[in-house]
C-alpha atoms as a PDB file:
ATOM      1  CA  MET A   1       0.001   0.005  -0.001  1.00  0.00           C
ATOM      2  CA  HIS A   2       2.943   2.291   0.625  1.00  0.00           C
ATOM      3  CA  ALA A   3       4.308   1.469  -2.840  1.00  0.00           C
ATOM      4  CA  ALA A   4       0.932   2.499  -4.301  1.00  0.00           C
ATOM      5  CA  ARG A   5       1.459   5.863  -2.565  1.00  0.00           C
ATOM      6  CA  LEU A   6      -1.587   5.633  -0.353  1.00  0.00           C
ATOM      7  CA  ALA A   7      -1.561   8.194   2.429  1.00  0.00           C
ATOM      8  CA  VAL A   8      -0.484   7.088   5.905  1.00  0.00           C
ATOM      9  CA  ASP A   9      -3.981   7.618   7.285  1.00  0.00           C
ATOM     10  CA  GLN A  10      -5.403   5.424   4.508  1.00  0.00           C
ATOM     11  CA  VAL A  11      -2.983   2.643   5.465  1.00  0.00           C
ATOM     12  CA  GLU A  12      -3.848   2.997   9.162  1.00  0.00           C
ATOM     13  CA  THR A  13      -7.583   2.856   8.377  1.00  0.00           C
ATOM     14  CA  ALA A  14      -6.954  -0.201   6.184  1.00  0.00           C
ATOM     15  CA  ASN A  15      -5.202  -1.933   9.084  1.00  0.00           C
ATOM     16  CA  GLU A  16      -8.088  -1.165  11.416  1.00  0.00           C
ATOM     17  CA  GLN A  17     -10.611  -2.489   8.900  1.00  0.00           C
ATOM     18  CA  ARG A  18      -8.518  -5.603   8.279  1.00  0.00           C
ATOM     19  CA  LEU A  19      -8.457  -6.371  12.010  1.00  0.00           C
ATOM     20  CA  ALA A  20     -12.180  -5.699  12.351  1.00  0.00           C
ATOM     21  CA  TYR A  21     -12.852  -8.026   9.405  1.00  0.00           C
ATOM     22  CA  ARG A  22     -10.842 -10.811  11.038  1.00  0.00           C
ATOM     23  CA  TYR A  23     -12.699 -10.344  14.294  1.00  0.00           C
ATOM     24  CA  GLU A  24     -16.075 -10.511  12.534  1.00  0.00           C
ATOM     25  CA  ALA A  25     -15.031 -13.502  10.419  1.00  0.00           C
ATOM     26  CA  LEU A  26     -13.860 -15.435  13.475  1.00  0.00           C
ATOM     27  CA  ALA A  27     -16.858 -14.443  15.612  1.00  0.00           C
ATOM     28  CA  SER A  28     -19.322 -15.376  12.832  1.00  0.00           C
ATOM     29  CA  ARG A  29     -21.940 -13.041  14.301  1.00  0.00           C
ATOM     30  CA  TYR A  30     -22.575 -10.979  11.223  1.00  0.00           C
ATOM     31  CA  LEU A  31     -23.312 -13.437   8.412  1.00  0.00           C
ATOM     32  CA  ASP A  32     -23.931 -17.143   8.566  1.00  0.00           C
ATOM     33  CA  LEU A  33     -20.978 -19.217   7.336  1.00  0.00           C
ATOM     34  CA  ASP A  34     -22.413 -20.033   3.891  1.00  0.00           C
ATOM     35  CA  ASP A  35     -23.288 -16.376   3.210  1.00  0.00           C
ATOM     36  CA  ARG A  36     -19.919 -15.190   4.486  1.00  0.00           C
ATOM     37  CA  MET A  37     -18.076 -17.630   2.233  1.00  0.00           C
ATOM     38  CA  PHE A  38     -20.225 -16.566  -0.740  1.00  0.00           C
ATOM     39  CA  VAL A  39     -19.578 -12.874  -0.021  1.00  0.00           C
ATOM     40  CA  GLU A  40     -15.843 -13.466   0.292  1.00  0.00           C
ATOM     41  CA  ARG A  41     -15.704 -15.470  -2.965  1.00  0.00           C
ATOM     42  CA  GLU A  42     -17.613 -12.766  -4.824  1.00  0.00           C
ATOM     43  CA  ALA A  43     -15.381 -10.028  -3.394  1.00  0.00           C
ATOM     44  CA  ALA A  44     -12.265 -11.995  -4.301  1.00  0.00           C
ATOM     45  CA  ALA A  45     -13.587 -12.496  -7.842  1.00  0.00           C
ATOM     46  CA  ALA A  46     -14.385  -8.787  -8.242  1.00  0.00           C
ATOM     47  CA  LEU A  47     -10.913  -7.792  -7.032  1.00  0.00           C
ATOM     48  CA  HIS A  48      -9.326 -10.420  -9.272  1.00  0.00           C
ATOM     49  CA  ASP A  49     -11.182  -9.024 -12.271  1.00  0.00           C
ATOM     50  CA  LEU A  50      -9.990  -5.495 -11.526  1.00  0.00           C
ATOM     51  CA  ARG A  51      -6.413  -6.645 -10.971  1.00  0.00           C
ATOM     52  CA  SER A  52      -6.500  -8.554 -14.262  1.00  0.00           C
ATOM     53  CA  GLN A  53      -7.685  -5.433 -16.110  1.00  0.00           C
ATOM     54  CA  LEU A  54      -4.887  -3.436 -14.470  1.00  0.00           C
ATOM     55  CA  ASP A  55      -2.217  -5.984 -15.431  1.00  0.00           C
ATOM     56  CA  ALA A  56      -3.551  -6.217 -19.008  1.00  0.00           C
ATOM     57  CA  GLY A  57      -3.237  -2.451 -19.421  1.00  0.00           C
ATOM     58  CA  GLU A  58      -6.983  -1.985 -19.782  1.00  0.00           C
ATOM     59  CA  LEU A  59      -6.808   0.281 -16.723  1.00  0.00           C
ATOM     60  CA  THR A  60      -4.091   2.889 -16.451  1.00  0.00           C
ATOM     61  CA  ASP A  61      -4.820   3.901 -12.871  1.00  0.00           C
ATOM     62  CA  GLY A  62      -2.077   4.821 -10.476  1.00  0.00           C
ATOM     63  CA  GLY A  63      -2.110   3.238  -7.028  1.00  0.00           C
ATOM     64  CA  VAL A  64      -4.382   5.801  -5.392  1.00  0.00           C
ATOM     65  CA  GLU A  65      -6.845   5.725  -8.276  1.00  0.00           C
ATOM     66  CA  PHE A  66      -6.894   1.933  -8.440  1.00  0.00           C
ATOM     67  CA  HIS A  67      -7.470   1.731  -4.691  1.00  0.00           C
ATOM     68  CA  ARG A  68     -10.480   4.003  -5.142  1.00  0.00           C
ATOM     69  CA  ARG A  69     -11.733   1.863  -8.034  1.00  0.00           C
ATOM     70  CA  CYS A  70     -11.515  -1.239  -5.807  1.00  0.00           C
ATOM     71  CA  LEU A  71     -13.485   0.466  -3.023  1.00  0.00           C
ATOM     72  CA  ARG A  72     -16.124   1.602  -5.509  1.00  0.00           C
ATOM     73  CA  ARG A  73     -16.469  -1.957  -6.884  1.00  0.00           C
ATOM     74  CA  LEU A  74     -16.883  -3.341  -3.368  1.00  0.00           C
ATOM     75  CA  ASN A  75     -19.568  -0.713  -2.693  1.00  0.00           C
ATOM     76  CA  GLU A  76     -21.446  -1.910  -5.786  1.00  0.00           C
ATOM     77  CA  LEU A  77     -21.002  -5.515  -4.721  1.00  0.00           C
ATOM     78  CA  SER A  78     -22.359  -4.790  -1.253  1.00  0.00           C
ATOM     79  CA  ASP A  79     -25.521  -3.395  -2.782  1.00  0.00           C
ATOM     80  CA  SER A  80     -26.008  -6.194  -5.316  1.00  0.00           C
ATOM     81  CA  LEU A  81     -25.312  -9.432  -3.445  1.00  0.00           C
ATOM     82  CA  PRO A  82     -28.383 -11.615  -2.851  1.00  0.00           C
ATOM     83  CA  VAL A  83     -27.789 -12.143   0.865  1.00  0.00           C
ATOM     84  CA  SER A  84     -29.558 -10.824   3.924  1.00  0.00           C
ATOM     85  CA  PRO A  85     -28.379  -8.856   5.720  1.00  0.00           C
ATOM     86  CA  LYS A  86     -26.368  -7.072   3.050  1.00  0.00           C
ATOM     87  CA  PRO A  87     -22.646  -7.219   3.804  1.00  0.00           C
ATOM     88  CA  ALA A  88     -21.362  -4.064   5.424  1.00  0.00           C
ATOM     89  CA  ARG A  89     -18.918  -2.108   3.323  1.00  0.00           C
ATOM     90  CA  SER A  90     -16.503  -2.163   6.227  1.00  0.00           C
ATOM     91  CA  PHE A  91     -16.610  -5.981   6.121  1.00  0.00           C
ATOM     92  CA  LEU A  92     -15.814  -5.992   2.393  1.00  0.00           C
ATOM     93  CA  TYR A  93     -13.082  -3.365   2.771  1.00  0.00           C
ATOM     94  CA  GLY A  94     -11.598  -5.354   5.636  1.00  0.00           C
ATOM     95  CA  PHE A  95     -11.650  -8.468   3.459  1.00  0.00           C
ATOM     96  CA  MET A  96      -9.806  -6.589   0.692  1.00  0.00           C
ATOM     97  CA  TYR A  97      -7.150  -5.405   3.125  1.00  0.00           C
ATOM     98  CA  TYR A  98      -6.899  -8.900   4.594  1.00  0.00           C
ATOM     99  CA  VAL A  99      -6.188 -10.437   1.179  1.00  0.00           C
ATOM    100  CA  THR A 100      -3.833  -7.559   0.372  1.00  0.00           C
ATOM    101  CA  ASP A 101      -1.925  -8.297   3.576  1.00  0.00           C
ATOM    102  CA  ARG A 102      -1.674 -11.927   2.430  1.00  0.00           C
ATOM    103  CA  CYS A 103      -0.240 -10.698  -0.932  1.00  0.00           C
ATOM    104  CA  LEU A 104      -3.322 -11.845  -2.853  1.00  0.00           C
ATOM    105  CA  HIS A 105      -4.255  -8.331  -3.953  1.00  0.00           C
ATOM    106  CA  ARG A 106      -2.283  -5.208  -4.858  1.00  0.00           C
ATOM    107  CA  PHE A 107      -2.886  -1.683  -6.049  1.00  0.00           C
ATOM    108  CA  LEU A 108      -0.210  -1.457  -8.727  1.00  0.00           C
ATOM    109  CA  PRO A 109       0.158  -3.418 -11.977  1.00  0.00           C
ATOM    110  CA  LEU A 110       2.469  -6.400 -12.083  1.00  0.00           C
ATOM    111  CA  LYS A 111       5.854  -5.321 -13.399  1.00  0.00           C
ATOM    112  CA  SER A 112       7.023  -7.161 -16.480  1.00  0.00           C
END
């Protein structure tokens, strides 16, 4: 996230959301397990699609712009998923930062 030139406060907020996501995922209070797994798979697929577009050169976003694009896509996903209750955006953001921390998502294109 630092390499993508995200501001320090953005990185700190991301860390807080990542920790909150892990707490919610482990506590399983928010969504039942099947819904949570569905939400996570859909979020991972949406992020994968965006990352693929970035690597293919279809998107020319810098790190800050791509980060914003990812947040916007997760907002759309939150509104469109057929689960009840709808996943909180903070849950989806936390998931994104969790997978980013595990090196499964990034905000810059892959260098050739």
